[in-house]
Amino acid sequence: AVNGIDIESIGVNDVGDISIFPGSLTRSLSRIEYVLRNIFKKTNRRVIIIGGEHTLTLASFRAYAKNYNDSCIIAFDAHMDLRNEYLGSRYNHATVMRRIFEKEKNAKIIIIGARAVSREEEQFYKNINEKNNIKVFRIIGDEVKVDEINSIENEISTCKNKYISIDIDILDPSYAPGVQTPEPLGLSPYTLLKILNRIVDINTYAVDLVEMTPIYDPSETTAFISAKILIELIAMMSEVVGLSVKRCW
């Protein structure tokens, strides 16, 4: 990893896939929440979830919030995902943060990198009374100023138990073309990792990475980038919790 940690010296346990119910979103979300709730309950290990369409975060974060009080979800996303419905459905990648806001009233939602926002989402964000519950940091392009990163870090410092959700479309399509809803003027992998390195700490207990879409990724560029981000996150998390690991330098 870039911080010098030998990733092979970190103990990682792959617990396998969660079986879902094709054609039944409700049952699938219930299964995801049930399995992850038990995982969070039985272990104090850090958990990494790999998706999948972003709707799964509704289930995984609800499981997280039931086990960790004062939970905060930090979403890296090109979109706010605050629509009430999209294409006739209230449960999909464009509505997931709206549903989390409704169902987890005590949770704080921080959205980083939104650069494609609908009029509906903008109006909703302006009108909500619970201003402390949702905070959006818009980032256009890859030139993120130091004071912007400081503002993000200061906002996140108020969070007690952190869940990080990375929609891979946070990256510019030149780096990650294999997504459902690509949006130009995104972050580079380096900038994303730089921000993550500032916010991952001992209170970061879960991370998901979602929206990597193999059918749109014939070169596997997005898959390689996603894997690299996960490797770096594992190294960051192992370092902040003080694991005894080997270093390459």
C-alpha atoms as a PDB file:
ATOM      1  CA  ALA A   1       0.000   0.000   0.000  1.00  0.00           C
ATOM      2  CA  VAL A   2       1.112   3.598  -0.468  1.00  0.00           C
ATOM      3  CA  ASN A   3       1.556   4.051   3.292  1.00  0.00           C
ATOM      4  CA  GLY A   4       4.207   1.329   3.234  1.00  0.00           C
ATOM      5  CA  ILE A   5       2.132  -1.409   4.857  1.00  0.00           C
ATOM      6  CA  ASP A   6       2.568  -4.918   3.481  1.00  0.00           C
ATOM      7  CA  ILE A   7      -1.045  -5.769   2.674  1.00  0.00           C
ATOM      8  CA  GLU A   8      -0.303  -9.506   2.880  1.00  0.00           C
ATOM      9  CA  SER A   9       0.524  -9.125   6.573  1.00  0.00           C
ATOM     10  CA  ILE A  10      -3.020  -7.953   7.386  1.00  0.00           C
ATOM     11  CA  GLY A  11      -5.539 -10.592   8.389  1.00  0.00           C
ATOM     12  CA  VAL A  12      -8.549 -10.391   6.073  1.00  0.00           C
ATOM     13  CA  ASN A  13     -11.475 -12.793   6.393  1.00  0.00           C
ATOM     14  CA  ASP A  14     -13.697 -13.199   3.309  1.00  0.00           C
ATOM     15  CA  VAL A  15     -17.079 -14.267   4.679  1.00  0.00           C
ATOM     16  CA  GLY A  16     -18.492 -14.882   1.205  1.00  0.00           C
ATOM     17  CA  ASP A  17     -21.463 -13.525  -0.693  1.00  0.00           C
ATOM     18  CA  ILE A  18     -24.886 -12.627   0.675  1.00  0.00           C
ATOM     19  CA  SER A  19     -27.538 -14.565  -1.227  1.00  0.00           C
ATOM     20  CA  ILE A  20     -30.308 -12.277  -2.447  1.00  0.00           C
ATOM     21  CA  PHE A  21     -33.700 -12.798  -4.074  1.00  0.00           C
ATOM     22  CA  PRO A  22     -33.675 -11.843  -7.772  1.00  0.00           C
ATOM     23  CA  GLY A  23     -36.872  -9.990  -8.580  1.00  0.00           C
ATOM     24  CA  SER A  24     -37.637  -9.086  -4.961  1.00  0.00           C
ATOM     25  CA  LEU A  25     -35.921  -5.932  -3.772  1.00  0.00           C
ATOM     26  CA  THR A  26     -37.702  -5.957  -0.413  1.00  0.00           C
ATOM     27  CA  ARG A  27     -36.607  -9.494   0.459  1.00  0.00           C
ATOM     28  CA  SER A  28     -33.089  -8.832  -0.800  1.00  0.00           C
ATOM     29  CA  LEU A  29     -32.683  -5.722   1.359  1.00  0.00           C
ATOM     30  CA  SER A  30     -34.071  -7.583   4.364  1.00  0.00           C
ATOM     31  CA  ARG A  31     -31.581 -10.412   3.838  1.00  0.00           C
ATOM     32  CA  ILE A  32     -28.647  -8.004   3.504  1.00  0.00           C
ATOM     33  CA  GLU A  33     -29.671  -6.152   6.661  1.00  0.00           C
ATOM     34  CA  TYR A  34     -30.173  -9.380   8.625  1.00  0.00           C
ATOM     35  CA  VAL A  35     -26.802 -10.875   7.668  1.00  0.00           C
ATOM     36  CA  LEU A  36     -24.837  -7.687   8.264  1.00  0.00           C
ATOM     37  CA  ARG A  37     -26.612  -6.938  11.521  1.00  0.00           C
ATOM     38  CA  ASN A  38     -25.386 -10.273  12.851  1.00  0.00           C
ATOM     39  CA  ILE A  39     -21.879  -9.651  11.559  1.00  0.00           C
ATOM     40  CA  PHE A  40     -21.716  -6.230  13.223  1.00  0.00           C
ATOM     41  CA  LYS A  41     -23.146  -7.683  16.428  1.00  0.00           C
ATOM     42  CA  LYS A  42     -20.649 -10.535  16.697  1.00  0.00           C
ATOM     43  CA  THR A  43     -17.398  -8.812  15.870  1.00  0.00           C
ATOM     44  CA  ASN A  44     -15.550  -5.593  16.506  1.00  0.00           C
ATOM     45  CA  ARG A  45     -13.594  -6.072  13.314  1.00  0.00           C
ATOM     46  CA  ARG A  46     -13.787  -3.565  10.512  1.00  0.00           C
ATOM     47  CA  VAL A  47     -16.229  -4.630   7.791  1.00  0.00           C
ATOM     48  CA  ILE A  48     -15.910  -4.009   4.050  1.00  0.00           C
ATOM     49  CA  ILE A  49     -18.924  -4.544   1.790  1.00  0.00           C
ATOM     50  CA  ILE A  50     -18.563  -4.803  -1.976  1.00  0.00           C
ATOM     51  CA  GLY A  51     -21.529  -4.163  -4.278  1.00  0.00           C
ATOM     52  CA  GLY A  52     -23.615  -3.944  -6.179  1.00  0.00           C
ATOM     53  CA  GLU A  53     -26.179  -1.266  -6.862  1.00  0.00           C
ATOM     54  CA  HIS A  54     -26.130   1.565  -4.347  1.00  0.00           C
ATOM     55  CA  THR A  55     -29.522   0.624  -2.898  1.00  0.00           C
ATOM     56  CA  LEU A  56     -27.755  -2.056  -0.845  1.00  0.00           C
ATOM     57  CA  THR A  57     -26.310   0.726   1.310  1.00  0.00           C
ATOM     58  CA  LEU A  58     -29.786   1.333   2.727  1.00  0.00           C
ATOM     59  CA  ALA A  59     -29.753  -2.177   4.191  1.00  0.00           C
ATOM     60  CA  SER A  60     -26.106  -2.247   5.234  1.00  0.00           C
ATOM     61  CA  PHE A  61     -26.211   1.145   6.941  1.00  0.00           C
ATOM     62  CA  ARG A  62     -29.453   0.301   8.765  1.00  0.00           C
ATOM     63  CA  ALA A  63     -27.724  -2.815  10.097  1.00  0.00           C
ATOM     64  CA  TYR A  64     -24.761  -0.667  11.112  1.00  0.00           C
ATOM     65  CA  ALA A  65     -26.909   1.973  12.836  1.00  0.00           C
ATOM     66  CA  LYS A  66     -28.656  -0.689  14.916  1.00  0.00           C
ATOM     67  CA  ASN A  67     -25.302  -1.737  16.376  1.00  0.00           C
ATOM     68  CA  TYR A  68     -23.508   1.608  16.590  1.00  0.00           C
ATOM     69  CA  ASN A  69     -25.110   4.615  18.254  1.00  0.00           C
ATOM     70  CA  ASP A  70     -24.658   8.120  16.835  1.00  0.00           C
ATOM     71  CA  SER A  71     -23.885   6.698  13.403  1.00  0.00           C
ATOM     72  CA  CYS A  72     -22.718   8.824  10.532  1.00  0.00           C
ATOM     73  CA  ILE A  73     -22.691   7.833   6.853  1.00  0.00           C
ATOM     74  CA  ILE A  74     -20.101   9.545   4.681  1.00  0.00           C
ATOM     75  CA  ALA A  75     -20.983   9.057   1.015  1.00  0.00           C
ATOM     76  CA  PHE A  76     -18.555   9.774  -1.815  1.00  0.00           C
ATOM     77  CA  ASP A  77     -20.815  10.156  -4.835  1.00  0.00           C
ATOM     78  CA  ALA A  78     -21.181  12.147  -8.044  1.00  0.00           C
ATOM     79  CA  HIS A  79     -24.869  12.491  -7.154  1.00  0.00           C
ATOM     80  CA  MET A  80     -26.826  13.453  -4.043  1.00  0.00           C
ATOM     81  CA  ASP A  81     -29.116  10.390  -4.299  1.00  0.00           C
ATOM     82  CA  LEU A  82     -31.819  12.455  -2.576  1.00  0.00           C
ATOM     83  CA  ARG A  83     -34.652  12.014  -5.094  1.00  0.00           C
ATOM     84  CA  ASN A  84     -37.968  10.844  -3.704  1.00  0.00           C
ATOM     85  CA  GLU A  85     -38.389   8.448  -6.615  1.00  0.00           C
ATOM     86  CA  TYR A  86     -36.685   7.653  -9.900  1.00  0.00           C
ATOM     87  CA  LEU A  87     -38.143   5.840 -12.899  1.00  0.00           C
ATOM     88  CA  GLY A  88     -41.267   5.143 -10.873  1.00  0.00           C
ATOM     89  CA  SER A  89     -39.449   3.524  -7.939  1.00  0.00           C
ATOM     90  CA  ARG A  90     -38.730   4.859  -4.455  1.00  0.00           C
ATOM     91  CA  TYR A  91     -35.890   2.384  -3.929  1.00  0.00           C
ATOM     92  CA  ASN A  92     -32.880   2.672  -6.224  1.00  0.00           C
ATOM     93  CA  HIS A  93     -29.464   4.274  -6.572  1.00  0.00           C
ATOM     94  CA  ALA A  94     -30.956   7.760  -7.038  1.00  0.00           C
ATOM     95  CA  THR A  95     -33.036   7.660  -3.840  1.00  0.00           C
ATOM     96  CA  VAL A  96     -30.881   5.768  -1.357  1.00  0.00           C
ATOM     97  CA  MET A  97     -29.767   8.750   0.757  1.00  0.00           C
ATOM     98  CA  ARG A  98     -33.347  10.063   0.883  1.00  0.00           C
ATOM     99  CA  ARG A  99     -34.527   6.710   2.259  1.00  0.00           C
ATOM    100  CA  ILE A 100     -31.686   6.611   4.797  1.00  0.00           C
ATOM    101  CA  PHE A 101     -32.626  10.133   5.899  1.00  0.00           C
ATOM    102  CA  GLU A 102     -36.242   9.041   6.412  1.00  0.00           C
ATOM    103  CA  LYS A 103     -35.577   5.724   8.120  1.00  0.00           C
ATOM    104  CA  GLU A 104     -32.563   6.581  10.290  1.00  0.00           C
ATOM    105  CA  LYS A 105     -33.631   9.855  11.880  1.00  0.00           C
ATOM    106  CA  ASN A 106     -30.709  10.011  14.299  1.00  0.00           C
ATOM    107  CA  ALA A 107     -28.037   9.410  11.683  1.00  0.00           C
ATOM    108  CA  LYS A 108     -25.938  12.117  10.108  1.00  0.00           C
ATOM    109  CA  ILE A 109     -25.452  12.063   6.331  1.00  0.00           C
ATOM    110  CA  ILE A 110     -22.419  13.704   4.721  1.00  0.00           C
ATOM    111  CA  ILE A 111     -22.254  13.636   0.918  1.00  0.00           C
ATOM    112  CA  ILE A 112     -18.904  14.449  -0.691  1.00  0.00           C
ATOM    113  CA  GLY A 113     -18.285  15.169  -4.367  1.00  0.00           C
ATOM    114  CA  ALA A 114     -21.817  15.723  -5.701  1.00  0.00           C
ATOM    115  CA  ARG A 115     -21.554  17.343  -9.124  1.00  0.00           C
ATOM    116  CA  ALA A 116     -24.772  16.244 -10.892  1.00  0.00           C
ATOM    117  CA  VAL A 117     -27.825  17.413  -8.962  1.00  0.00           C
ATOM    118  CA  SER A 118     -31.500  17.523  -9.960  1.00  0.00           C
ATOM    119  CA  ARG A 119     -33.789  20.467  -9.230  1.00  0.00           C
ATOM    120  CA  GLU A 120     -35.837  18.227  -6.920  1.00  0.00           C
ATOM    121  CA  GLU A 121     -32.798  17.270  -4.848  1.00  0.00           C
ATOM    122  CA  GLU A 122     -31.579  20.851  -4.619  1.00  0.00           C
ATOM    123  CA  GLN A 123     -34.995  22.025  -3.442  1.00  0.00           C
ATOM    124  CA  PHE A 124     -35.255  19.208  -0.904  1.00  0.00           C
ATOM    125  CA  TYR A 125     -31.814  19.993   0.487  1.00  0.00           C
ATOM    126  CA  LYS A 126     -32.662  23.687   0.820  1.00  0.00           C
ATOM    127  CA  ASN A 127     -36.007  23.072   2.491  1.00  0.00           C
ATOM    128  CA  ILE A 128     -35.242  20.385   5.068  1.00  0.00           C
ATOM    129  CA  ASN A 129     -35.458  21.514   8.653  1.00  0.00           C
ATOM    130  CA  GLU A 130     -32.932  18.984   9.933  1.00  0.00           C
ATOM    131  CA  LYS A 131     -29.979  20.995   8.625  1.00  0.00           C
ATOM    132  CA  ASN A 132     -27.572  19.230  10.950  1.00  0.00           C
ATOM    133  CA  ASN A 133     -28.556  15.812   9.592  1.00  0.00           C
ATOM    134  CA  ILE A 134     -27.461  16.289   5.973  1.00  0.00           C
ATOM    135  CA  LYS A 135     -24.394  18.121   4.710  1.00  0.00           C
ATOM    136  CA  VAL A 136     -23.339  18.211   1.054  1.00  0.00           C
ATOM    137  CA  PHE A 137     -19.878  19.154  -0.197  1.00  0.00           C
ATOM    138  CA  ARG A 138     -19.926  19.802  -3.933  1.00  0.00           C
ATOM    139  CA  ILE A 139     -16.665  19.169  -5.766  1.00  0.00           C
ATOM    140  CA  ILE A 140     -16.278  19.992  -9.464  1.00  0.00           C
ATOM    141  CA  GLY A 141     -13.121  18.646 -11.058  1.00  0.00           C
ATOM    142  CA  ASP A 142     -10.031  17.348  -9.328  1.00  0.00           C
ATOM    143  CA  GLU A 143      -8.643  20.599  -7.943  1.00  0.00           C
ATOM    144  CA  VAL A 144      -9.678  20.228  -4.315  1.00  0.00           C
ATOM    145  CA  LYS A 145      -8.294  23.053  -2.203  1.00  0.00           C
ATOM    146  CA  VAL A 146      -6.747  22.514   1.202  1.00  0.00           C
ATOM    147  CA  ASP A 147      -9.459  24.573   2.907  1.00  0.00           C
ATOM    148  CA  GLU A 148     -12.122  22.391   1.259  1.00  0.00           C
ATOM    149  CA  ILE A 149     -10.519  19.247   2.656  1.00  0.00           C
ATOM    150  CA  ASN A 150     -10.222  20.973   6.031  1.00  0.00           C
ATOM    151  CA  SER A 151     -13.947  21.817   5.950  1.00  0.00           C
ATOM    152  CA  ILE A 152     -14.793  18.198   5.149  1.00  0.00           C
ATOM    153  CA  GLU A 153     -12.524  16.964   7.931  1.00  0.00           C
ATOM    154  CA  ASN A 154     -14.027  19.415  10.441  1.00  0.00           C
ATOM    155  CA  GLU A 155     -17.574  18.327   9.592  1.00  0.00           C
ATOM    156  CA  ILE A 156     -16.694  14.650   9.873  1.00  0.00           C
ATOM    157  CA  SER A 157     -14.894  15.211  13.176  1.00  0.00           C
ATOM    158  CA  THR A 158     -18.338  15.586  14.778  1.00  0.00           C
ATOM    159  CA  CYS A 159     -19.178  11.985  13.821  1.00  0.00           C
ATOM    160  CA  LYS A 160     -18.820   9.261  16.439  1.00  0.00           C
ATOM    161  CA  ASN A 161     -19.216   5.983  14.499  1.00  0.00           C
ATOM    162  CA  LYS A 162     -18.388   6.278  10.815  1.00  0.00           C
ATOM    163  CA  TYR A 163     -19.670   4.279   7.860  1.00  0.00           C
ATOM    164  CA  ILE A 164     -18.081   5.241   4.537  1.00  0.00           C
ATOM    165  CA  SER A 165     -19.924   4.545   1.276  1.00  0.00           C
ATOM    166  CA  ILE A 166     -17.992   4.943  -1.971  1.00  0.00           C
ATOM    167  CA  ASP A 167     -19.994   5.086  -5.176  1.00  0.00           C
ATOM    168  CA  ILE A 168     -17.220   4.569  -7.696  1.00  0.00           C
ATOM    169  CA  ASP A 169     -18.784   7.205  -9.987  1.00  0.00           C
ATOM    170  CA  ILE A 170     -17.188   9.731  -7.614  1.00  0.00           C
ATOM    171  CA  LEU A 171     -14.177   9.245  -9.888  1.00  0.00           C
ATOM    172  CA  ASP A 172     -13.924  10.872 -13.292  1.00  0.00           C
ATOM    173  CA  PRO A 173     -15.055   8.493 -16.082  1.00  0.00           C
ATOM    174  CA  SER A 174     -11.551   8.601 -17.546  1.00  0.00           C
ATOM    175  CA  TYR A 175     -10.476   6.600 -14.481  1.00  0.00           C
ATOM    176  CA  ALA A 176     -13.671   4.630 -13.814  1.00  0.00           C
ATOM    177  CA  PRO A 177     -15.827   4.252 -16.945  1.00  0.00           C
ATOM    178  CA  GLY A 178     -17.588   1.090 -15.759  1.00  0.00           C
ATOM    179  CA  VAL A 179     -20.469   2.646 -13.833  1.00  0.00           C
ATOM    180  CA  GLN A 180     -24.227   3.033 -14.359  1.00  0.00           C
ATOM    181  CA  THR A 181     -24.283   6.827 -14.333  1.00  0.00           C
ATOM    182  CA  PRO A 182     -20.908   8.306 -15.339  1.00  0.00           C
ATOM    183  CA  GLU A 183     -20.470  12.015 -14.764  1.00  0.00           C
ATOM    184  CA  PRO A 184     -17.566  14.111 -16.140  1.00  0.00           C
ATOM    185  CA  LEU A 185     -15.367  16.368 -13.996  1.00  0.00           C
ATOM    186  CA  GLY A 186     -14.863  13.878 -11.194  1.00  0.00           C
ATOM    187  CA  LEU A 187     -12.047  13.148  -8.783  1.00  0.00           C
ATOM    188  CA  SER A 188      -8.870  11.267  -9.572  1.00  0.00           C
ATOM    189  CA  PRO A 189      -8.092   8.132  -7.534  1.00  0.00           C
ATOM    190  CA  TYR A 190      -5.199  10.004  -5.920  1.00  0.00           C
ATOM    191  CA  THR A 191      -7.433  12.827  -4.679  1.00  0.00           C
ATOM    192  CA  LEU A 192     -10.044  10.382  -3.387  1.00  0.00           C
ATOM    193  CA  LEU A 193      -7.377   8.488  -1.438  1.00  0.00           C
ATOM    194  CA  LYS A 194      -5.957  11.751  -0.107  1.00  0.00           C
ATOM    195  CA  ILE A 195      -9.362  12.708   1.337  1.00  0.00           C
ATOM    196  CA  LEU A 196      -9.953   9.201   2.693  1.00  0.00           C
ATOM    197  CA  ASN A 197      -6.574   9.272   4.391  1.00  0.00           C
ATOM    198  CA  ARG A 198      -7.669  12.412   6.248  1.00  0.00           C
ATOM    199  CA  ILE A 199     -10.993  11.023   7.491  1.00  0.00           C
ATOM    200  CA  VAL A 200     -10.456   7.307   8.163  1.00  0.00           C
ATOM    201  CA  ASP A 201      -9.822   6.888  11.880  1.00  0.00           C
ATOM    202  CA  ILE A 202     -10.303   4.458  14.753  1.00  0.00           C
ATOM    203  CA  ASN A 203     -14.068   5.109  14.703  1.00  0.00           C
ATOM    204  CA  THR A 204     -14.444   3.974  11.078  1.00  0.00           C
ATOM    205  CA  TYR A 205     -16.037   0.547  11.434  1.00  0.00           C
ATOM    206  CA  ALA A 206     -17.480  -0.132   7.968  1.00  0.00           C
ATOM    207  CA  VAL A 207     -16.907   0.757   4.333  1.00  0.00           C
ATOM    208  CA  ASP A 208     -18.791  -0.151   1.192  1.00  0.00           C
ATOM    209  CA  LEU A 209     -17.787   0.262  -2.442  1.00  0.00           C
ATOM    210  CA  VAL A 210     -20.665   0.147  -4.903  1.00  0.00           C
ATOM    211  CA  GLU A 211     -21.833   0.757  -8.488  1.00  0.00           C
ATOM    212  CA  MET A 212     -18.905  -0.953 -10.231  1.00  0.00           C
ATOM    213  CA  THR A 213     -20.666  -2.340 -13.328  1.00  0.00           C
ATOM    214  CA  PRO A 214     -18.695  -5.079 -15.149  1.00  0.00           C
ATOM    215  CA  ILE A 215     -20.814  -4.958 -18.307  1.00  0.00           C
ATOM    216  CA  TYR A 216     -19.648  -1.348 -18.847  1.00  0.00           C
ATOM    217  CA  ASP A 217     -16.050  -2.167 -17.949  1.00  0.00           C
ATOM    218  CA  PRO A 218     -14.662  -4.394 -20.733  1.00  0.00           C
ATOM    219  CA  SER A 219     -11.102  -3.152 -20.148  1.00  0.00           C
ATOM    220  CA  GLU A 220     -11.480  -3.889 -16.396  1.00  0.00           C
ATOM    221  CA  THR A 221     -10.033  -0.445 -15.649  1.00  0.00           C
ATOM    222  CA  THR A 222     -12.764   0.299 -13.111  1.00  0.00           C
ATOM    223  CA  ALA A 223     -12.313  -3.090 -11.467  1.00  0.00           C
ATOM    224  CA  PHE A 224      -8.575  -2.502 -11.008  1.00  0.00           C
ATOM    225  CA  ILE A 225      -9.143   0.999  -9.617  1.00  0.00           C
ATOM    226  CA  SER A 226     -11.826  -0.310  -7.241  1.00  0.00           C
ATOM    227  CA  ALA A 227      -9.512  -3.055  -6.001  1.00  0.00           C
ATOM    228  CA  LYS A 228      -6.719  -0.537  -5.437  1.00  0.00           C
ATOM    229  CA  ILE A 229      -9.025   1.720  -3.401  1.00  0.00           C
ATOM    230  CA  LEU A 230     -10.080  -1.233  -1.239  1.00  0.00           C
ATOM    231  CA  ILE A 231      -6.468  -2.276  -0.670  1.00  0.00           C
ATOM    232  CA  GLU A 232      -5.561   1.239   0.421  1.00  0.00           C
ATOM    233  CA  LEU A 233      -8.600   1.421   2.710  1.00  0.00           C
ATOM    234  CA  ILE A 234      -7.636  -1.857   4.383  1.00  0.00           C
ATOM    235  CA  ALA A 235      -4.139  -0.478   4.946  1.00  0.00           C
ATOM    236  CA  MET A 236      -5.492   2.813   6.342  1.00  0.00           C
ATOM    237  CA  MET A 237      -7.885   1.054   8.698  1.00  0.00           C
ATOM    238  CA  SER A 238      -5.233  -1.371   9.934  1.00  0.00           C
ATOM    239  CA  GLU A 239      -2.892   1.524  10.656  1.00  0.00           C
ATOM    240  CA  VAL A 240      -5.380   3.621  12.649  1.00  0.00           C
ATOM    241  CA  VAL A 241      -6.388   0.693  14.874  1.00  0.00           C
ATOM    242  CA  GLY A 242      -2.740  -0.087  15.608  1.00  0.00           C
ATOM    243  CA  LEU A 243      -2.527  -3.591  14.151  1.00  0.00           C
ATOM    244  CA  SER A 244       0.857  -5.258  14.205  1.00  0.00           C
ATOM    245  CA  VAL A 245       1.692  -5.355  10.506  1.00  0.00           C
ATOM    246  CA  LYS A 246       4.786  -5.621   8.362  1.00  0.00           C
ATOM    247  CA  ARG A 247       6.052  -2.637   6.416  1.00  0.00           C
ATOM    248  CA  CYS A 248       7.761  -2.536   3.063  1.00  0.00           C
ATOM    249  CA  TRP A 249       9.319   0.826   3.905  1.00  0.00           C
END
